[in-house]
Protein backbone atom coordinates (compact mmCIF):
# COMPACT_ATOMS: atom_id res chain seq x y z
CA UNK A 1 -0.05 0.04 -0.04
CA UNK A 2 1.08 3.66 -0.72
CA UNK A 3 1.77 5.58 2.53
CA UNK A 4 1.93 9.27 2.49
CA UNK A 5 3.73 11.07 5.60
CA UNK A 6 3.76 14.76 5.54
CA UNK A 7 6.47 16.89 7.33
CA UNK A 8 8.71 19.77 6.39
CA UNK A 9 12.07 20.02 4.79
CA UNK A 10 15.19 22.02 6.20
CA UNK A 11 16.97 23.09 3.11
CA UNK A 12 20.11 25.15 3.43
CA UNK A 13 21.32 27.21 0.45
CA UNK A 14 23.70 25.12 -1.85
CA UNK A 15 26.65 27.43 -1.20
CA UNK A 16 26.60 26.18 2.54
CA UNK A 17 26.46 22.58 1.35
CA UNK A 18 25.04 21.43 4.63
CA UNK A 19 22.16 19.46 2.99
CA UNK A 20 18.53 19.07 3.20
CA UNK A 21 16.84 17.13 5.98
CA UNK A 22 13.02 16.11 6.05
CA UNK A 23 11.35 15.98 9.26
CA UNK A 24 7.99 14.47 10.19
CA UNK A 25 5.66 14.19 12.98
CA UNK A 26 6.32 17.54 14.76
CA UNK A 27 3.55 19.92 16.08
CA UNK A 28 5.11 22.94 13.92
CA UNK A 29 8.11 23.65 11.67
CA UNK A 30 11.54 25.35 11.70
CA UNK A 31 12.93 27.31 8.96
CA UNK A 32 16.52 28.08 7.95
CA UNK A 33 16.05 31.85 8.43
CA UNK A 34 16.00 31.29 12.27
CA UNK A 35 18.94 32.60 14.04
CA UNK A 36 20.40 29.44 15.29
CA UNK A 37 20.03 27.64 11.62
CA UNK A 38 21.30 30.32 9.09
CA UNK A 39 24.47 32.23 9.30
CA UNK A 40 26.47 30.29 11.97
CA UNK A 41 29.11 27.59 11.42
CA UNK A 42 27.14 25.36 13.78
CA UNK A 43 23.62 25.67 12.02
CA UNK A 44 23.66 21.77 11.46
CA UNK A 45 24.40 21.04 14.98
CA UNK A 46 21.78 23.40 16.20
CA UNK A 47 19.25 21.70 13.90
CA UNK A 48 20.23 18.41 15.42
CA UNK A 49 19.94 19.72 18.94
CA UNK A 50 16.31 20.91 18.10
CA UNK A 51 15.19 17.73 16.69
CA UNK A 52 16.11 16.07 20.08
CA UNK A 53 13.60 18.20 21.88
CA UNK A 54 10.79 16.46 19.78
CA UNK A 55 11.17 12.71 20.83
CA UNK A 56 8.39 11.61 18.41
CA UNK A 57 9.92 13.14 15.35
CA UNK A 58 11.32 11.27 12.51
CA UNK A 59 14.18 12.75 10.23
CA UNK A 60 15.87 11.78 7.03
CA UNK A 61 19.13 13.03 5.47
CA UNK A 62 17.99 13.84 1.97
CA UNK A 63 20.08 12.88 -1.45
CA UNK A 64 23.67 13.62 0.05
CA UNK A 65 25.93 14.52 -2.43
CA UNK A 66 28.50 17.30 -3.35
CA UNK A 67 25.85 19.62 -4.93
CA UNK A 68 23.30 19.82 -2.28
CA UNK A 69 25.45 18.95 0.87
CA UNK A 70 26.75 15.97 2.63
CA UNK A 71 26.04 17.11 6.02
CA UNK A 72 29.63 18.02 6.77
CA UNK A 73 30.54 14.23 6.07
CA UNK A 74 28.28 13.09 8.56
CA UNK A 75 30.71 14.30 11.14
CA UNK A 76 28.56 15.43 14.26
CA UNK A 77 27.54 12.02 15.43
CA UNK A 78 26.32 11.64 18.89
CA UNK A 79 23.95 9.14 20.36
CA UNK A 80 21.28 11.86 20.94
CA UNK A 81 21.46 13.17 17.38
CA UNK A 82 21.46 9.68 16.26
CA UNK A 83 18.27 8.87 17.97
CA UNK A 84 16.51 11.68 16.17
CA UNK A 85 17.49 10.75 12.56
CA UNK A 86 16.35 7.44 11.15
CA UNK A 87 16.53 7.58 7.34
CA UNK A 88 18.95 8.30 4.43
CA UNK A 89 18.12 8.56 0.70
CA UNK A 90 20.26 6.15 -1.26
CA UNK A 91 18.80 7.39 -4.45
CA UNK A 92 18.15 10.83 -6.21
CA UNK A 93 15.46 11.75 -8.66
CA UNK A 94 15.93 8.96 -11.17
CA UNK A 95 15.70 6.28 -8.40
CA UNK A 96 18.96 4.60 -9.04
CA UNK A 97 20.46 3.28 -5.84
CA UNK A 98 24.09 4.68 -5.13
CA UNK A 99 25.35 3.63 -1.41
CA UNK A 100 28.44 5.68 -1.26
CA UNK A 101 26.95 8.11 1.32
CA UNK A 102 25.09 5.30 3.03
CA UNK A 103 28.40 3.52 3.61
CA UNK A 104 29.89 6.81 4.92
CA UNK A 105 27.00 7.59 7.31
CA UNK A 106 26.97 4.08 8.80
CA UNK A 107 30.84 4.17 9.27
CA UNK A 108 30.51 7.39 11.07
CA UNK A 109 28.36 5.71 13.70
CA UNK A 110 24.75 6.71 12.38
CA UNK A 111 21.96 4.21 12.62
CA UNK A 112 20.00 4.95 9.60
CA UNK A 113 17.91 2.94 7.15
CA UNK A 114 17.84 3.43 3.32
CA UNK A 115 15.19 5.11 1.47
CA UNK A 116 14.27 5.51 -2.29
CA UNK A 117 11.74 8.30 -2.42
CA UNK A 118 11.38 9.44 -5.97
CA UNK A 119 12.55 12.65 -4.59
CA UNK A 120 11.80 15.09 -7.66
CA UNK A 121 10.25 18.26 -8.37
CA UNK A 122 7.95 17.13 -11.18
CA UNK A 123 4.75 16.25 -9.14
CA UNK A 124 5.08 12.68 -9.89
CA UNK A 125 5.57 11.48 -6.37
CA UNK A 126 5.09 7.61 -6.36
CA UNK A 127 4.72 7.14 -10.16
CA UNK A 128 7.72 8.74 -11.54
CA UNK A 129 9.52 5.22 -11.61
CA UNK A 130 9.28 2.06 -9.91
CA UNK A 131 11.32 3.00 -6.83
CA UNK A 132 9.85 2.20 -3.39
CA UNK A 133 10.47 2.35 0.18
CA UNK A 134 9.18 -0.88 2.03
CA UNK A 135 8.41 -0.42 5.83
CA UNK A 136 7.88 -3.76 7.54
CA UNK A 137 5.17 -3.50 10.10
CA UNK A 138 1.75 -5.08 11.45
CA UNK A 139 0.46 -1.58 12.81
CA UNK A 140 -0.68 0.41 9.81
CA UNK A 141 -1.94 3.34 12.00
CA UNK A 142 -0.10 6.49 11.68
CA UNK A 143 1.86 6.04 14.76
CA UNK A 144 2.54 2.39 14.11
CA UNK A 145 4.16 3.32 10.80
CA UNK A 146 6.07 6.15 12.54
CA UNK A 147 7.36 3.67 15.24
CA UNK A 148 8.43 1.20 12.32
CA UNK A 149 10.48 3.95 10.76
CA UNK A 150 11.95 4.74 14.27
CA UNK A 151 12.97 1.17 14.43
CA UNK A 152 14.43 1.13 10.99
CA UNK A 153 12.26 -1.65 9.64
CA UNK A 154 12.84 -0.48 6.03
CA UNK A 155 14.40 -1.61 2.83
CA UNK A 156 14.93 0.59 -0.64
CA UNK A 157 14.21 -0.81 -3.76
CA UNK A 158 14.30 0.19 -7.49
CA UNK A 159 11.73 -2.67 -8.08
CA UNK A 160 8.21 -1.91 -6.96
CA UNK A 161 7.12 -5.41 -5.73
CA UNK A 162 10.46 -6.94 -4.76
CA UNK A 163 9.96 -8.65 -1.34
CA UNK A 164 12.76 -8.99 1.29
CA UNK A 165 13.02 -10.23 4.90
CA UNK A 166 16.22 -10.14 6.52
CA UNK A 167 17.28 -11.37 10.03
CA UNK A 168 20.77 -11.63 11.79
CA UNK A 169 20.75 -13.91 14.82
CA UNK A 170 16.88 -13.80 14.74
CA UNK A 171 16.89 -9.99 14.96
CA UNK A 172 15.06 -8.19 12.10
CA UNK A 173 16.81 -5.58 10.11
CA UNK A 174 17.04 -2.26 11.88
CA UNK A 175 17.96 -3.93 15.02
CA UNK A 176 20.97 -3.24 17.40
CA UNK A 177 22.59 -6.19 19.07
CA UNK A 178 24.23 -4.76 22.30
CA UNK A 179 26.26 -7.80 23.08
CA UNK A 180 28.68 -8.75 20.13
CA UNK A 181 28.23 -12.42 19.35
CA UNK A 182 30.84 -14.71 17.95
CA UNK A 183 28.89 -15.54 14.90
CA UNK A 184 26.47 -13.67 12.57
CA UNK A 185 23.86 -16.23 11.69
CA UNK A 186 22.14 -14.58 8.57
CA UNK A 187 18.77 -15.69 6.90
CA UNK A 188 17.36 -13.78 3.96
CA UNK A 189 14.22 -14.42 1.81
CA UNK A 190 13.86 -12.61 -1.44
CA UNK A 191 10.95 -12.87 -3.87
CA UNK A 192 9.66 -11.06 -6.87
CA UNK A 193 6.19 -12.21 -8.22
CA UNK A 194 6.82 -10.99 -11.77
CA UNK A 195 7.71 -14.13 -13.87
CA UNK A 196 9.99 -11.93 -15.97
CA UNK A 197 12.25 -10.76 -13.11
CA UNK A 198 15.05 -12.96 -11.50
CA UNK A 199 17.36 -12.63 -8.80
CA UNK A 200 20.92 -12.68 -9.97
CA UNK A 201 22.97 -12.02 -6.65
CA UNK A 202 22.48 -11.33 -2.99
CA UNK A 203 25.27 -9.92 -0.82
CA UNK A 204 25.85 -9.24 2.68
CA UNK A 205 27.48 -5.69 2.91
CA UNK A 206 29.63 -4.71 5.94
CA UNK A 207 31.81 -1.64 6.97
CA UNK A 208 32.93 0.60 4.39
CA UNK A 209 30.95 -1.16 1.69
CA UNK A 210 32.89 -4.52 1.88
CA UNK A 211 31.25 -7.71 0.87
CA UNK A 212 31.31 -10.29 3.56
CA UNK A 213 29.17 -13.05 1.73
CA UNK A 214 27.78 -13.66 -1.67
CA UNK A 215 24.95 -15.77 -2.92
CA UNK A 216 25.12 -16.25 -6.55
CA UNK A 217 23.98 -19.86 -7.41
CA UNK A 218 20.90 -19.68 -9.57
CA UNK A 219 19.38 -22.81 -7.92
CA UNK A 220 19.95 -21.42 -4.61
CA UNK A 221 18.57 -17.94 -5.48
CA UNK A 222 15.57 -19.33 -7.16
CA UNK A 223 14.53 -20.95 -3.83
CA UNK A 224 14.21 -17.59 -2.21
CA UNK A 225 15.66 -18.67 1.14
CA UNK A 226 19.35 -17.89 1.93
CA UNK A 227 21.48 -18.65 4.86
CA UNK A 228 24.88 -18.23 6.05
CA UNK A 229 27.01 -18.16 9.33
CA UNK A 230 30.14 -15.68 9.20
CA UNK A 231 32.36 -14.26 11.94
CA UNK A 232 30.95 -11.34 13.63
CA UNK A 233 33.90 -9.27 12.80
CA UNK A 234 31.89 -6.11 11.59
CA UNK A 235 29.94 -3.46 13.27
CA UNK A 236 27.02 -3.38 10.82
CA UNK A 237 25.60 -5.86 8.08
CA UNK A 238 22.95 -5.14 5.48
CA UNK A 239 21.49 -6.92 2.40
CA UNK A 240 22.06 -6.04 -1.05
CA UNK A 241 20.09 -7.57 -3.90
CA UNK A 242 20.71 -7.29 -7.59
CA UNK A 243 18.14 -8.47 -10.00
CA UNK A 244 18.63 -9.82 -13.45
CA UNK A 245 17.54 -6.64 -15.13
CA UNK A 246 20.03 -4.69 -12.87
CA UNK A 247 17.54 -3.28 -10.25
CA UNK A 248 18.99 -2.95 -6.97
CA UNK A 249 17.61 -3.24 -3.44
CA UNK A 250 19.23 -2.45 -0.17
CA UNK A 251 18.24 -3.00 3.50
CA UNK A 252 18.50 -1.54 6.79
CA UNK A 253 21.44 -2.88 8.67
CA UNK A 254 21.52 -5.10 11.80
CA UNK A 255 24.18 -3.55 13.91
């Protein structure tokens, strides 16, 4: 089902290159013209601090790049700021997934899930292409959806009906395992109902974009159920799926 969530975007001028942040589920809004958010070198940190004062809010790093801004290379991580931001766009207007900044944010310590939102200025939000965000939840109320976003139960896909489930040591995508295990026991299911689509590769991606495990056997991929056990040597693990037609999907990690 299509879900529409309404919020506001904090957009700094491109000469500052701080970036754009969308914020949802707040009682009001902020603007970059406010004293703390405009002509001060700590504008981005001030906005992060403002987000921490609205515990129910949800925020997203929008399309990080060298043109619109990269959030000062995600350098201002703190546990408090991390709690306020749950999402990061891994695709721009065309819906093509590029994980360069996703890797960077994760490596800097941010706990964010990937999104692919058809972020465009053409008024075709939802039908410009087949890109989708998928939120895994049993509670389809507004607050239930927000909670699933805060829990990062999300994957981003270029294919509109690709289905993915992923657990690590029985913990769903988006989870944080506080006590580091010796082994990461990974279970992935992947399915596309379209008879013309196929899965060509599924990978476990870890710190700095390294690949810790790959499934590429056609018979195994066709079964739709994939497992592996690998040493728990990394701080995060997410799944990247590549389809036969080149479409890509990436999940939130388990940390």
